[in-house]
Amino acid sequence: MKKFYKEERLCSRKYLDLLFKNGSSFLLYPFRVSYRFVDQTAAFPVQVVINVPKKRYKHAVDRNLLKRRIREAYRLQKQDGLYELLPENNGLLLLSLQFVGKQKYEFSFIEKKLSAVLKKLLSNVKNDQGN
């Protein structure tokens, strides 16, 4: 399951509003991460949306390049780094990855930082479950 399926993308306006209004978030440069669990069963345990701001990157070519790199890094790490370590029976995890960096980074840097983001996300989720 190393593909990035359409069902894994967060497109629902209802869920996006819920995520950004009531979700938890943290910053781990160059990503700002928002997340929230909803009581919903789905084919995949996580739905993700990836943002790169137009304000900082005026050219669509630059935004698309960064989104492609982030999407590829997520695709490679989701199975081992995220899906297997998520707590069971929590429903669907809504996840937003917002790129807040000031320059275009290489894929290796993005991959390393995204790995750290997923580890911090899992520790935050486990702390939330403990409370």
Protein backbone atom coordinates (compact mmCIF):
# COMPACT_ATOMS: atom_id res chain seq x y z
CA MET A 1 0.00 0.00 0.00
CA LYS A 2 2.65 2.49 -1.04
CA LYS A 3 0.29 4.62 -3.14
CA PHE A 4 -1.33 7.91 -2.19
CA TYR A 5 -5.00 7.28 -2.94
CA LYS A 6 -7.67 9.91 -3.43
CA GLU A 7 -9.49 8.57 -0.35
CA GLU A 8 -6.46 9.62 1.73
CA ARG A 9 -6.88 13.27 0.74
CA LEU A 10 -8.92 15.53 2.94
CA CYS A 11 -11.40 17.29 0.64
CA SER A 12 -14.55 17.55 2.75
CA ARG A 13 -15.34 21.17 3.63
CA LYS A 14 -17.12 19.97 6.78
CA TYR A 15 -14.02 18.12 7.99
CA LEU A 16 -11.70 20.97 7.00
CA ASP A 17 -13.76 23.44 9.05
CA LEU A 18 -13.81 21.02 11.97
CA LEU A 19 -10.05 20.50 11.74
CA PHE A 20 -9.10 24.17 11.63
CA LYS A 21 -11.66 25.38 14.19
CA ASN A 22 -11.46 22.61 16.79
CA GLY A 23 -8.22 20.75 16.05
CA SER A 24 -4.97 20.67 17.97
CA SER A 25 -1.81 21.98 16.37
CA PHE A 26 1.91 22.35 16.80
CA LEU A 27 4.82 23.86 14.88
CA LEU A 28 7.90 21.90 13.95
CA TYR A 29 9.78 23.98 11.39
CA PRO A 30 9.15 24.00 8.43
CA PHE A 31 5.70 22.49 9.09
CA ARG A 32 2.66 23.65 11.02
CA VAL A 33 0.58 20.58 11.81
CA SER A 34 -3.10 20.50 12.76
CA TYR A 35 -4.86 17.27 13.67
CA ARG A 36 -8.15 16.01 15.04
CA PHE A 37 -9.92 12.68 15.43
CA VAL A 38 -13.50 12.24 14.22
CA ASP A 39 -15.86 9.34 14.82
CA GLN A 40 -15.89 7.95 11.32
CA THR A 41 -14.73 4.71 9.81
CA ALA A 42 -12.90 4.87 6.52
CA ALA A 43 -10.74 2.73 4.27
CA PHE A 44 -7.68 4.63 5.54
CA PRO A 45 -7.03 5.73 9.14
CA VAL A 46 -5.76 9.20 8.10
CA GLN A 47 -6.92 11.88 5.68
CA VAL A 48 -4.38 14.58 4.94
CA VAL A 49 -4.34 18.01 3.31
CA ILE A 50 -1.07 19.68 2.26
CA ASN A 51 -0.81 23.47 2.03
CA VAL A 52 1.93 25.73 0.66
CA PRO A 53 1.05 29.44 1.01
CA LYS A 54 0.66 31.63 -2.04
CA LYS A 55 1.72 34.61 0.07
CA ARG A 56 5.23 33.22 0.46
CA TYR A 57 5.59 31.43 -2.89
CA LYS A 58 4.13 33.60 -5.62
CA HIS A 59 4.82 31.19 -8.49
CA ALA A 60 2.61 28.12 -8.82
CA VAL A 61 5.63 26.16 -10.05
CA ASP A 62 7.34 26.61 -6.67
CA ARG A 63 4.21 25.73 -4.68
CA ASN A 64 3.59 22.61 -6.77
CA LEU A 65 7.22 21.50 -6.42
CA LEU A 66 7.04 21.73 -2.63
CA LYS A 67 3.65 20.00 -2.50
CA ARG A 68 4.97 17.16 -4.67
CA ARG A 69 8.00 16.72 -2.40
CA ILE A 70 5.87 16.76 0.77
CA ARG A 71 3.32 14.36 -0.72
CA GLU A 72 6.06 11.94 -1.78
CA ALA A 73 7.76 12.06 1.65
CA TYR A 74 4.38 11.43 3.31
CA ARG A 75 3.61 8.56 0.93
CA LEU A 76 6.90 6.84 1.76
CA GLN A 77 6.55 7.22 5.53
CA LYS A 78 2.83 6.83 6.18
CA GLN A 79 2.71 3.04 6.36
CA ASP A 80 5.56 2.35 8.79
CA GLY A 81 5.77 5.68 10.55
CA LEU A 82 2.10 6.56 11.02
CA TYR A 83 -0.52 3.91 10.26
CA GLU A 84 1.00 1.10 12.31
CA LEU A 85 1.69 3.28 15.36
CA LEU A 86 -1.69 5.02 15.60
CA PRO A 87 -3.82 3.98 18.58
CA GLU A 88 -6.61 1.59 17.64
CA ASN A 89 -10.31 2.45 17.43
CA ASN A 90 -9.94 6.21 17.51
CA GLY A 91 -11.79 6.79 14.27
CA LEU A 92 -10.44 8.89 11.45
CA LEU A 93 -7.46 11.20 11.95
CA LEU A 94 -7.75 14.48 10.03
CA LEU A 95 -4.30 15.91 9.36
CA SER A 96 -3.12 19.21 7.89
CA LEU A 97 0.50 19.77 6.87
CA GLN A 98 1.14 23.47 6.24
CA PHE A 99 4.56 24.37 4.89
CA VAL A 100 5.81 27.54 6.60
CA GLY A 101 9.45 27.44 5.47
CA LYS A 102 11.03 30.42 3.77
CA GLN A 103 12.92 28.60 1.04
CA LYS A 104 12.60 25.62 -1.28
CA TYR A 105 14.24 22.69 0.46
CA GLU A 106 15.59 19.52 -1.07
CA PHE A 107 13.58 16.31 -0.83
CA SER A 108 15.98 14.73 1.69
CA PHE A 109 15.50 17.65 4.11
CA ILE A 110 11.71 17.54 3.76
CA GLU A 111 11.70 13.77 4.26
CA LYS A 112 13.79 14.05 7.44
CA LYS A 113 11.62 16.84 8.87
CA LEU A 114 8.37 15.05 7.99
CA SER A 115 9.64 11.98 9.83
CA ALA A 116 10.21 14.14 12.93
CA VAL A 117 6.74 15.66 12.49
CA LEU A 118 5.08 12.24 12.39
CA LYS A 119 6.94 11.14 15.54
CA LYS A 120 5.85 14.28 17.39
CA LEU A 121 2.28 13.83 16.10
CA LEU A 122 2.16 10.27 17.46
CA SER A 123 3.52 11.36 20.86
CA ASN A 124 0.93 14.19 21.01
CA VAL A 125 -1.87 11.77 20.09
CA LYS A 126 -0.77 9.32 22.78
CA ASN A 127 -0.58 12.14 25.35
CA ASP A 128 -4.06 13.31 24.37
CA GLN A 129 -5.37 9.76 24.76
CA GLY A 130 -3.78 9.48 28.20
CA ASN A 131 -5.52 12.61 29.49
